Amino acid sequence: WYRRNLSIRRFASKVFSRLRRKALTVSIHGWAEVARELAARETRYLLQVNDFQRKRKRQAHLLLLQAWHREAKASADATRTARLRKVFACWRLASQEQRLLQKYLQECAPISF
């Protein structure tokens, strides 16, 4: 009876040690799987953040370029307007000079020096 009881205990001990090893192995594999999933999720999130930042930076550059283009056009328009004003002022002075010269010549023609 004692030997039978001892062999049952040894058998039970072997079974339980195998079950513990199996449970430990399953547990470790489970934790490894969770760790892989977490790493993959973190990588996806980091890639999404990186993509978001690149898009925002690209949009900021585009807005800056558009603002620069508008300012350059406004500056060119202002320069062109200033030049046209100078040209018209000169033209006005030249036409006044021509009128005065014609008037002077008309006044001097009858006198004929």
Foldseek 3Di string as FASTA:
>chain_A
DVVVVVVVVVVVVVVVVVVVVVVVVVVVVVVVVVVVVVVVVVVVVVVVVVVVVVVVVVVVVVVVVVVVVVVVVVVVVVVVVVVVVVVVVVVVVVVVVVVVVVVVCVVCVVVPD
